[in-house]
């Protein structure tokens, strides 16, 4: 039950971030570069939920992003899935310090 509630909360956070990116960050750029909050979300999920959960949710969230607004299907899914999987490298770096 606890894991189900966590997944539902993560999907709600995903929807909130999607609307923030669509409405607010579409005009907020720094020298033409827009911030991507999905990368931070997937890194957070990967660090605190594990590499498997980060990878799976990265692939799912990326696929949803691709379906809703991208011309190439799979690019965001691949990138966010890899970011979720790279949690191991970041975790080991944080544990060293």
PDB file of N, CA and C in Angstrom:
ATOM      1  N   UNK A   1       0.823  -1.186   0.000  1.00  0.00           N
ATOM      2  CA  UNK A   1       0.000   0.000   0.000  1.00  0.00           C
ATOM      3  C   UNK A   1       0.871   1.255   0.000  1.00  0.00           C
ATOM      4  N   UNK A   2       1.962   1.220   0.766  1.00  0.00           N
ATOM      5  CA  UNK A   2       2.834   2.379   0.858  1.00  0.00           C
ATOM      6  C   UNK A   2       3.515   2.661  -0.484  1.00  0.00           C
ATOM      7  N   UNK A   3       3.916   1.591  -1.195  1.00  0.00           N
ATOM      8  CA  UNK A   3       4.566   1.757  -2.487  1.00  0.00           C
ATOM      9  C   UNK A   3       3.593   2.313  -3.523  1.00  0.00           C
ATOM     10  N   UNK A   4       2.340   1.898  -3.459  1.00  0.00           N
ATOM     11  CA  UNK A   4       1.329   2.401  -4.378  1.00  0.00           C
ATOM     12  C   UNK A   4       1.090   3.888  -4.161  1.00  0.00           C
ATOM     13  N   UNK A   5       1.010   4.306  -2.917  1.00  0.00           N
ATOM     14  CA  UNK A   5       0.815   5.727  -2.613  1.00  0.00           C
ATOM     15  C   UNK A   5       2.020   6.533  -3.096  1.00  0.00           C
ATOM     16  N   UNK A   6       3.209   5.988  -2.930  1.00  0.00           N
ATOM     17  CA  UNK A   6       4.409   6.671  -3.393  1.00  0.00           C
ATOM     18  C   UNK A   6       4.390   6.858  -4.904  1.00  0.00           C
ATOM     19  N   UNK A   7       4.004   5.822  -5.646  1.00  0.00           N
ATOM     20  CA  UNK A   7       3.934   5.905  -7.104  1.00  0.00           C
ATOM     21  C   UNK A   7       2.888   6.935  -7.529  1.00  0.00           C
ATOM     22  N   UNK A   8       1.741   6.955  -6.869  1.00  0.00           N
ATOM     23  CA  UNK A   8       0.691   7.926  -7.191  1.00  0.00           C
ATOM     24  C   UNK A   8       1.186   9.349  -6.932  1.00  0.00           C
ATOM     25  N   UNK A   9       1.863   9.560  -5.821  1.00  0.00           N
ATOM     26  CA  UNK A   9       2.404  10.888  -5.509  1.00  0.00           C
ATOM     27  C   UNK A   9       3.449  11.299  -6.547  1.00  0.00           C
ATOM     28  N   UNK A  10       4.283  10.364  -6.995  1.00  0.00           N
ATOM     29  CA  UNK A  10       5.276  10.683  -8.019  1.00  0.00           C
ATOM     30  C   UNK A  10       4.618  11.058  -9.339  1.00  0.00           C
ATOM     31  N   UNK A  11       3.517  10.393  -9.704  1.00  0.00           N
ATOM     32  CA  UNK A  11       2.802  10.754 -10.923  1.00  0.00           C
ATOM     33  C   UNK A  11       2.149  12.133 -10.788  1.00  0.00           C
ATOM     34  N   UNK A  12       1.661  12.466  -9.613  1.00  0.00           N
ATOM     35  CA  UNK A  12       1.093  13.800  -9.387  1.00  0.00           C
ATOM     36  C   UNK A  12       2.190  14.860  -9.502  1.00  0.00           C
ATOM     37  N   UNK A  13       3.359  14.576  -8.940  1.00  0.00           N
ATOM     38  CA  UNK A  13       4.492  15.496  -9.059  1.00  0.00           C
ATOM     39  C   UNK A  13       4.899  15.630 -10.529  1.00  0.00           C
ATOM     40  N   UNK A  14       4.872  14.516 -11.275  1.00  0.00           N
ATOM     41  CA  UNK A  14       5.177  14.554 -12.699  1.00  0.00           C
ATOM     42  C   UNK A  14       4.213  15.477 -13.443  1.00  0.00           C
ATOM     43  N   UNK A  15       2.935  15.381 -13.154  1.00  0.00           N
ATOM     44  CA  UNK A  15       1.937  16.231 -13.812  1.00  0.00           C
ATOM     45  C   UNK A  15       2.171  17.698 -13.469  1.00  0.00           C
ATOM     46  N   UNK A  16       2.470  17.985 -12.207  1.00  0.00           N
ATOM     47  CA  UNK A  16       2.743  19.364 -11.800  1.00  0.00           C
ATOM     48  C   UNK A  16       3.977  19.902 -12.523  1.00  0.00           C
ATOM     49  N   UNK A  17       5.031  19.102 -12.592  1.00  0.00           N
ATOM     50  CA  UNK A  17       6.255  19.535 -13.277  1.00  0.00           C
ATOM     51  C   UNK A  17       5.991  19.706 -14.770  1.00  0.00           C
ATOM     52  N   UNK A  18       5.184  18.834 -15.353  1.00  0.00           N
ATOM     53  CA  UNK A  18       4.867  18.958 -16.783  1.00  0.00           C
ATOM     54  C   UNK A  18       4.167  20.283 -17.071  1.00  0.00           C
ATOM     55  N   UNK A  19       3.189  20.648 -16.245  1.00  0.00           N
ATOM     56  CA  UNK A  19       2.497  21.910 -16.461  1.00  0.00           C
ATOM     57  C   UNK A  19       3.392  23.114 -16.163  1.00  0.00           C
ATOM     58  N   UNK A  20       4.293  23.002 -15.200  1.00  0.00           N
ATOM     59  CA  UNK A  20       5.268  24.067 -14.959  1.00  0.00           C
ATOM     60  C   UNK A  20       6.186  24.253 -16.170  1.00  0.00           C
ATOM     61  N   UNK A  21       6.672  23.144 -16.712  1.00  0.00           N
ATOM     62  CA  UNK A  21       7.544  23.222 -17.883  1.00  0.00           C
ATOM     63  C   UNK A  21       6.790  23.785 -19.083  1.00  0.00           C
ATOM     64  N   UNK A  22       5.545  23.389 -19.250  1.00  0.00           N
ATOM     65  CA  UNK A  22       4.756  23.816 -20.396  1.00  0.00           C
ATOM     66  C   UNK A  22       4.388  25.288 -20.312  1.00  0.00           C
ATOM     67  N   UNK A  23       4.024  25.764 -19.136  1.00  0.00           N
ATOM     68  CA  UNK A  23       3.522  27.131 -18.998  1.00  0.00           C
ATOM     69  C   UNK A  23       4.558  28.125 -18.515  1.00  0.00           C
ATOM     70  N   UNK A  24       5.264  27.816 -17.451  1.00  0.00           N
ATOM     71  CA  UNK A  24       6.166  28.791 -16.847  1.00  0.00           C
ATOM     72  C   UNK A  24       7.542  28.785 -17.494  1.00  0.00           C
ATOM     73  N   UNK A  25       8.145  27.630 -17.621  1.00  0.00           N
ATOM     74  CA  UNK A  25       9.517  27.566 -18.102  1.00  0.00           C
ATOM     75  C   UNK A  25       9.633  27.671 -19.611  1.00  0.00           C
ATOM     76  N   UNK A  26       8.506  27.738 -20.329  1.00  0.00           N
ATOM     77  CA  UNK A  26       8.594  27.916 -21.777  1.00  0.00           C
ATOM     78  C   UNK A  26       9.114  29.306 -22.128  1.00  0.00           C
ATOM     79  N   UNK A  27       8.887  30.282 -21.282  1.00  0.00           N
ATOM     80  CA  UNK A  27       9.397  31.627 -21.547  1.00  0.00           C
ATOM     81  C   UNK A  27      10.590  31.980 -20.666  1.00  0.00           C
ATOM     82  N   UNK A  28      10.935  31.146 -19.730  1.00  0.00           N
ATOM     83  CA  UNK A  28      12.060  31.400 -18.833  1.00  0.00           C
ATOM     84  C   UNK A  28      13.295  30.697 -19.372  1.00  0.00           C
ATOM     85  N   UNK A  29      14.151  31.447 -20.046  1.00  0.00           N
ATOM     86  CA  UNK A  29      15.373  30.878 -20.584  1.00  0.00           C
ATOM     87  C   UNK A  29      16.568  31.721 -20.150  1.00  0.00           C
ATOM     88  N   UNK A  30      17.702  31.074 -20.068  1.00  0.00           N
ATOM     89  CA  UNK A  30      18.960  31.746 -19.779  1.00  0.00           C
ATOM     90  C   UNK A  30      19.857  31.507 -20.992  1.00  0.00           C
ATOM     91  N   UNK A  31      20.036  32.541 -21.793  1.00  0.00           N
ATOM     92  CA  UNK A  31      20.796  32.452 -23.049  1.00  0.00           C
ATOM     93  C   UNK A  31      20.281  31.330 -23.947  1.00  0.00           C
ATOM     94  N   UNK A  32      18.970  31.186 -24.004  1.00  0.00           N
ATOM     95  CA  UNK A  32      18.356  30.183 -24.868  1.00  0.00           C
ATOM     96  C   UNK A  32      18.274  28.790 -24.276  1.00  0.00           C
ATOM     97  N   UNK A  33      18.699  28.614 -23.052  1.00  0.00           N
ATOM     98  CA  UNK A  33      18.678  27.299 -22.407  1.00  0.00           C
ATOM     99  C   UNK A  33      17.542  27.262 -21.398  1.00  0.00           C
ATOM    100  N   UNK A  34      16.646  26.263 -21.546  1.00  0.00           N
ATOM    101  CA  UNK A  34      15.530  26.109 -20.621  1.00  0.00           C
ATOM    102  C   UNK A  34      15.872  25.066 -19.557  1.00  0.00           C
ATOM    103  N   UNK A  35      15.510  25.324 -18.309  1.00  0.00           N
ATOM    104  CA  UNK A  35      15.749  24.314 -17.271  1.00  0.00           C
ATOM    105  C   UNK A  35      14.832  23.109 -17.470  1.00  0.00           C
ATOM    106  N   UNK A  36      15.331  21.936 -17.127  1.00  0.00           N
ATOM    107  CA  UNK A  36      14.556  20.708 -17.264  1.00  0.00           C
ATOM    108  C   UNK A  36      14.388  20.092 -15.879  1.00  0.00           C
ATOM    109  N   UNK A  37      13.192  20.230 -15.333  1.00  0.00           N
ATOM    110  CA  UNK A  37      12.921  19.717 -13.994  1.00  0.00           C
ATOM    111  C   UNK A  37      12.744  18.204 -13.971  1.00  0.00           C
ATOM    112  N   UNK A  38      12.501  17.609 -15.138  1.00  0.00           N
ATOM    113  CA  UNK A  38      12.335  16.152 -15.185  1.00  0.00           C
ATOM    114  C   UNK A  38      13.636  15.439 -14.839  1.00  0.00           C
ATOM    115  N   UNK A  39      14.751  16.016 -15.224  1.00  0.00           N
ATOM    116  CA  UNK A  39      16.046  15.420 -14.886  1.00  0.00           C
ATOM    117  C   UNK A  39      16.233  15.409 -13.372  1.00  0.00           C
ATOM    118  N   UNK A  40      15.886  16.515 -12.733  1.00  0.00           N
ATOM    119  CA  UNK A  40      15.997  16.563 -11.272  1.00  0.00           C
ATOM    120  C   UNK A  40      15.052  15.570 -10.604  1.00  0.00           C
ATOM    121  N   UNK A  41      13.837  15.438 -11.139  1.00  0.00           N
ATOM    122  CA  UNK A  41      12.874  14.486 -10.576  1.00  0.00           C
ATOM    123  C   UNK A  41      13.399  13.061 -10.676  1.00  0.00           C
ATOM    124  N   UNK A  42      13.915  12.682 -11.836  1.00  0.00           N
ATOM    125  CA  UNK A  42      14.411  11.317 -12.023  1.00  0.00           C
ATOM    126  C   UNK A  42      15.661  11.070 -11.185  1.00  0.00           C
ATOM    127  N   UNK A  43      16.542  12.061 -11.065  1.00  0.00           N
ATOM    128  CA  UNK A  43      17.700  11.893 -10.185  1.00  0.00           C
ATOM    129  C   UNK A  43      17.271  11.701  -8.736  1.00  0.00           C
ATOM    130  N   UNK A  44      16.277  12.475  -8.300  1.00  0.00           N
ATOM    131  CA  UNK A  44      15.758  12.337  -6.946  1.00  0.00           C
ATOM    132  C   UNK A  44      15.166  10.945  -6.734  1.00  0.00           C
ATOM    133  N   UNK A  45      14.382  10.480  -7.700  1.00  0.00           N
ATOM    134  CA  UNK A  45      13.777   9.146  -7.595  1.00  0.00           C
ATOM    135  C   UNK A  45      14.860   8.077  -7.583  1.00  0.00           C
ATOM    136  N   UNK A  46      15.865   8.224  -8.438  1.00  0.00           N
ATOM    137  CA  UNK A  46      16.947   7.248  -8.494  1.00  0.00           C
ATOM    138  C   UNK A  46      17.764   7.205  -7.224  1.00  0.00           C
ATOM    139  N   UNK A  47      18.029   8.373  -6.636  1.00  0.00           N
ATOM    140  CA  UNK A  47      18.838   8.400  -5.424  1.00  0.00           C
ATOM    141  C   UNK A  47      18.100   7.833  -4.218  1.00  0.00           C
ATOM    142  N   UNK A  48      16.831   8.156  -4.098  1.00  0.00           N
ATOM    143  CA  UNK A  48      16.097   7.748  -2.899  1.00  0.00           C
ATOM    144  C   UNK A  48      15.223   6.519  -3.097  1.00  0.00           C
ATOM    145  N   UNK A  49      14.919   6.172  -4.339  1.00  0.00           N
ATOM    146  CA  UNK A  49      14.072   5.009  -4.587  1.00  0.00           C
ATOM    147  C   UNK A  49      14.819   3.808  -5.111  1.00  0.00           C
ATOM    148  N   UNK A  50      16.021   4.025  -5.611  1.00  0.00           N
ATOM    149  CA  UNK A  50      16.807   2.930  -6.159  1.00  0.00           C
ATOM    150  C   UNK A  50      16.961   3.054  -7.662  1.00  0.00           C
ATOM    151  N   UNK A  51      17.959   2.343  -8.189  1.00  0.00           N
ATOM    152  CA  UNK A  51      18.258   2.422  -9.618  1.00  0.00           C
ATOM    153  C   UNK A  51      17.146   1.807 -10.455  1.00  0.00           C
ATOM    154  N   UNK A  52      16.551   0.733  -9.968  1.00  0.00           N
ATOM    155  CA  UNK A  52      15.495   0.072 -10.738  1.00  0.00           C
ATOM    156  C   UNK A  52      14.269   0.975 -10.871  1.00  0.00           C
ATOM    157  N   UNK A  53      13.828   1.567  -9.764  1.00  0.00           N
ATOM    158  CA  UNK A  53      12.673   2.457  -9.798  1.00  0.00           C
ATOM    159  C   UNK A  53      12.980   3.707 -10.620  1.00  0.00           C
ATOM    160  N   UNK A  54      14.185   4.247 -10.479  1.00  0.00           N
ATOM    161  CA  UNK A  54      14.580   5.425 -11.253  1.00  0.00           C
ATOM    162  C   UNK A  54      14.599   5.147 -12.743  1.00  0.00           C
ATOM    163  N   UNK A  55      15.101   3.982 -13.126  1.00  0.00           N
ATOM    164  CA  UNK A  55      15.152   3.614 -14.538  1.00  0.00           C
ATOM    165  C   UNK A  55      13.757   3.399 -15.108  1.00  0.00           C
ATOM    166  N   UNK A  56      12.932   2.652 -14.392  1.00  0.00           N
ATOM    167  CA  UNK A  56      11.585   2.360 -14.881  1.00  0.00           C
ATOM    168  C   UNK A  56      10.748   3.634 -14.980  1.00  0.00           C
ATOM    169  N   UNK A  57      10.756   4.446 -13.934  1.00  0.00           N
ATOM    170  CA  UNK A  57       9.970   5.679 -13.989  1.00  0.00           C
ATOM    171  C   UNK A  57      10.571   6.671 -14.986  1.00  0.00           C
ATOM    172  N   UNK A  58      11.877   6.665 -15.160  1.00  0.00           N
ATOM    173  CA  UNK A  58      12.496   7.505 -16.182  1.00  0.00           C
ATOM    174  C   UNK A  58      12.018   7.120 -17.572  1.00  0.00           C
ATOM    175  N   UNK A  59      11.957   5.824 -17.842  1.00  0.00           N
ATOM    176  CA  UNK A  59      11.449   5.365 -19.137  1.00  0.00           C
ATOM    177  C   UNK A  59       9.972   5.706 -19.322  1.00  0.00           C
ATOM    178  N   UNK A  60       9.174   5.492 -18.287  1.00  0.00           N
ATOM    179  CA  UNK A  60       7.735   5.778 -18.382  1.00  0.00           C
ATOM    180  C   UNK A  60       7.489   7.275 -18.544  1.00  0.00           C
ATOM    181  N   UNK A  61       8.109   8.079 -17.692  1.00  0.00           N
ATOM    182  CA  UNK A  61       7.913   9.529 -17.778  1.00  0.00           C
ATOM    183  C   UNK A  61       8.436  10.073 -19.106  1.00  0.00           C
ATOM    184  N   UNK A  62       9.567   9.572 -19.553  1.00  0.00           N
ATOM    185  CA  UNK A  62      10.112  10.012 -20.832  1.00  0.00           C
ATOM    186  C   UNK A  62       9.211   9.652 -21.994  1.00  0.00           C
ATOM    187  N   UNK A  63       8.622   8.461 -21.956  1.00  0.00           N
ATOM    188  CA  UNK A  63       7.706   8.059 -23.014  1.00  0.00           C
ATOM    189  C   UNK A  63       6.461   8.945 -23.016  1.00  0.00           C
ATOM    190  N   UNK A  64       5.953   9.273 -21.833  1.00  0.00           N
ATOM    191  CA  UNK A  64       4.793  10.160 -21.750  1.00  0.00           C
ATOM    192  C   UNK A  64       5.136  11.540 -22.315  1.00  0.00           C
ATOM    193  N   UNK A  65       6.308  12.050 -21.985  1.00  0.00           N
ATOM    194  CA  UNK A  65       6.743  13.346 -22.521  1.00  0.00           C
ATOM    195  C   UNK A  65       6.847  13.283 -24.041  1.00  0.00           C
ATOM    196  N   UNK A  66       7.397  12.180 -24.563  1.00  0.00           N
ATOM    197  CA  UNK A  66       7.523  12.032 -26.011  1.00  0.00           C
ATOM    198  C   UNK A  66       6.167  11.970 -26.698  1.00  0.00           C
ATOM    199  N   UNK A  67       5.241  11.250 -26.122  1.00  0.00           N
ATOM    200  CA  UNK A  67       3.923  11.110 -26.729  1.00  0.00           C
ATOM    201  C   UNK A  67       3.164  12.439 -26.704  1.00  0.00           C
ATOM    202  N   UNK A  68       3.294  13.181 -25.614  1.00  0.00           N
ATOM    203  CA  UNK A  68       2.535  14.423 -25.481  1.00  0.00           C
ATOM    204  C   UNK A  68       3.106  15.587 -26.280  1.00  0.00           C
ATOM    205  N   UNK A  69       4.393  15.615 -26.569  1.00  0.00           N
ATOM    206  CA  UNK A  69       4.864  16.817 -27.208  1.00  0.00           C
ATOM    207  C   UNK A  69       6.107  16.720 -28.048  1.00  0.00           C
ATOM    208  N   UNK A  70       6.557  15.558 -28.382  1.00  0.00           N
ATOM    209  CA  UNK A  70       7.797  15.433 -29.125  1.00  0.00           C
ATOM    210  C   UNK A  70       7.529  14.831 -30.499  1.00  0.00           C
ATOM    211  N   UNK A  71       8.371  15.184 -31.441  1.00  0.00           N
ATOM    212  CA  UNK A  71       8.219  14.602 -32.767  1.00  0.00           C
ATOM    213  C   UNK A  71       8.926  13.253 -32.876  1.00  0.00           C
ATOM    214  N   UNK A  72       9.919  13.039 -32.045  1.00  0.00           N
ATOM    215  CA  UNK A  72      10.641  11.765 -32.028  1.00  0.00           C
ATOM    216  C   UNK A  72      10.251  10.971 -30.782  1.00  0.00           C
ATOM    217  N   UNK A  73       9.681   9.821 -30.991  1.00  0.00           N
ATOM    218  CA  UNK A  73       9.260   8.977 -29.869  1.00  0.00           C
ATOM    219  C   UNK A  73      10.460   8.178 -29.378  1.00  0.00           C
ATOM    220  N   UNK A  74      10.739   8.262 -28.103  1.00  0.00           N
ATOM    221  CA  UNK A  74      11.767   7.447 -27.490  1.00  0.00           C
ATOM    222  C   UNK A  74      13.012   8.188 -27.054  1.00  0.00           C
ATOM    223  N   UNK A  75      13.207   9.410 -27.524  1.00  0.00           N
ATOM    224  CA  UNK A  75      14.428  10.132 -27.181  1.00  0.00           C
ATOM    225  C   UNK A  75      14.424  10.508 -25.702  1.00  0.00           C
ATOM    226  N   UNK A  76      13.356  11.139 -25.242  1.00  0.00           N
ATOM    227  CA  UNK A  76      13.265  11.507 -23.827  1.00  0.00           C
ATOM    228  C   UNK A  76      13.209  10.272 -22.944  1.00  0.00           C
ATOM    229  N   UNK A  77      12.524   9.232 -23.413  1.00  0.00           N
ATOM    230  CA  UNK A  77      12.441   8.003 -22.630  1.00  0.00           C
ATOM    231  C   UNK A  77      13.822   7.398 -22.440  1.00  0.00           C
ATOM    232  N   UNK A  78      14.606   7.370 -23.485  1.00  0.00           N
ATOM    233  CA  UNK A  78      15.959   6.823 -23.382  1.00  0.00           C
ATOM    234  C   UNK A  78      16.827   7.674 -22.468  1.00  0.00           C
ATOM    235  N   UNK A  79      16.775   8.988 -22.642  1.00  0.00           N
ATOM    236  CA  UNK A  79      17.610   9.884 -21.832  1.00  0.00           C
ATOM    237  C   UNK A  79      17.246   9.805 -20.354  1.00  0.00           C
ATOM    238  N   UNK A  80      15.953   9.871 -20.039  1.00  0.00           N
ATOM    239  CA  UNK A  80      15.547   9.819 -18.629  1.00  0.00           C
ATOM    240  C   UNK A  80      15.774   8.439 -18.030  1.00  0.00           C
ATOM    241  N   UNK A  81      15.632   7.385 -18.824  1.00  0.00           N
ATOM    242  CA  UNK A  81      15.938   6.045 -18.333  1.00  0.00           C
ATOM    243  C   UNK A  81      17.401   5.885 -17.984  1.00  0.00           C
ATOM    244  N   UNK A  82      18.277   6.430 -18.829  1.00  0.00           N
ATOM    245  CA  UNK A  82      19.716   6.375 -18.560  1.00  0.00           C
ATOM    246  C   UNK A  82      20.060   7.203 -17.324  1.00  0.00           C
ATOM    247  N   UNK A  83      19.421   8.365 -17.191  1.00  0.00           N
ATOM    248  CA  UNK A  83      19.666   9.201 -16.017  1.00  0.00           C
ATOM    249  C   UNK A  83      19.246   8.467 -14.743  1.00  0.00           C
ATOM    250  N   UNK A  84      18.110   7.769 -14.789  1.00  0.00           N
ATOM    251  CA  UNK A  84      17.681   6.986 -13.634  1.00  0.00           C
ATOM    252  C   UNK A  84      18.631   5.850 -13.319  1.00  0.00           C
ATOM    253  N   UNK A  85      19.231   5.273 -14.362  1.00  0.00           N
ATOM    254  CA  UNK A  85      20.160   4.171 -14.159  1.00  0.00           C
ATOM    255  C   UNK A  85      21.507   4.660 -13.630  1.00  0.00           C
ATOM    256  N   UNK A  86      21.914   5.869 -13.992  1.00  0.00           N
ATOM    257  CA  UNK A  86      23.200   6.413 -13.557  1.00  0.00           C
ATOM    258  C   UNK A  86      23.215   6.762 -12.076  1.00  0.00           C
ATOM    259  N   UNK A  87      22.164   6.460 -11.402  1.00  0.00           N
ATOM    260  CA  UNK A  87      22.060   6.706  -9.963  1.00  0.00           C
ATOM    261  C   UNK A  87      23.198   6.039  -9.212  1.00  0.00           C
ATOM    262  N   UNK A  88      23.658   4.909  -9.697  1.00  0.00           N
ATOM    263  CA  UNK A  88      24.735   4.192  -9.008  1.00  0.00           C
ATOM    264  C   UNK A  88      26.003   5.025  -8.939  1.00  0.00           C
ATOM    265  N   UNK A  89      26.325   5.697 -10.022  1.00  0.00           N
ATOM    266  CA  UNK A  89      27.531   6.516 -10.054  1.00  0.00           C
ATOM    267  C   UNK A  89      27.400   7.677  -9.074  1.00  0.00           C
ATOM    268  N   UNK A  90      26.258   8.341  -9.105  1.00  0.00           N
ATOM    269  CA  UNK A  90      26.050   9.472  -8.205  1.00  0.00           C
ATOM    270  C   UNK A  90      26.008   9.014  -6.759  1.00  0.00           C
ATOM    271  N   UNK A  91      25.392   7.882  -6.508  1.00  0.00           N
ATOM    272  CA  UNK A  91      25.290   7.368  -5.139  1.00  0.00           C
ATOM    273  C   UNK A  91      26.674   7.063  -4.578  1.00  0.00           C
ATOM    274  N   UNK A  92      27.527   6.451  -5.391  1.00  0.00           N
ATOM    275  CA  UNK A  92      28.876   6.136  -4.927  1.00  0.00           C
ATOM    276  C   UNK A  92      29.682   7.418  -4.690  1.00  0.00           C
ATOM    277  N   UNK A  93      29.487   8.427  -5.512  1.00  0.00           N
ATOM    278  CA  UNK A  93      30.181   9.695  -5.315  1.00  0.00           C
ATOM    279  C   UNK A  93      29.746  10.354  -4.023  1.00  0.00           C
ATOM    280  N   UNK A  94      28.447  10.318  -3.731  1.00  0.00           N
ATOM    281  CA  UNK A  94      27.944  10.937  -2.512  1.00  0.00           C
ATOM    282  C   UNK A  94      28.396  10.170  -1.275  1.00  0.00           C
ATOM    283  N   UNK A  95      28.523   8.853  -1.388  1.00  0.00           N
ATOM    284  CA  UNK A  95      28.945   8.065  -0.233  1.00  0.00           C
ATOM    285  C   UNK A  95      30.427   8.231   0.060  1.00  0.00           C
ATOM    286  N   UNK A  96      31.230   8.570  -0.947  1.00  0.00           N
ATOM    287  CA  UNK A  96      32.658   8.779  -0.722  1.00  0.00           C
ATOM    288  C   UNK A  96      32.922  10.013   0.129  1.00  0.00           C
ATOM    289  N   UNK A  97      32.075  11.002  -0.005  1.00  0.00           N
ATOM    290  CA  UNK A  97      32.313  12.277   0.692  1.00  0.00           C
ATOM    291  C   UNK A  97      31.737  12.295   2.049  1.00  0.00           C
TER     292      UNK A  97
END
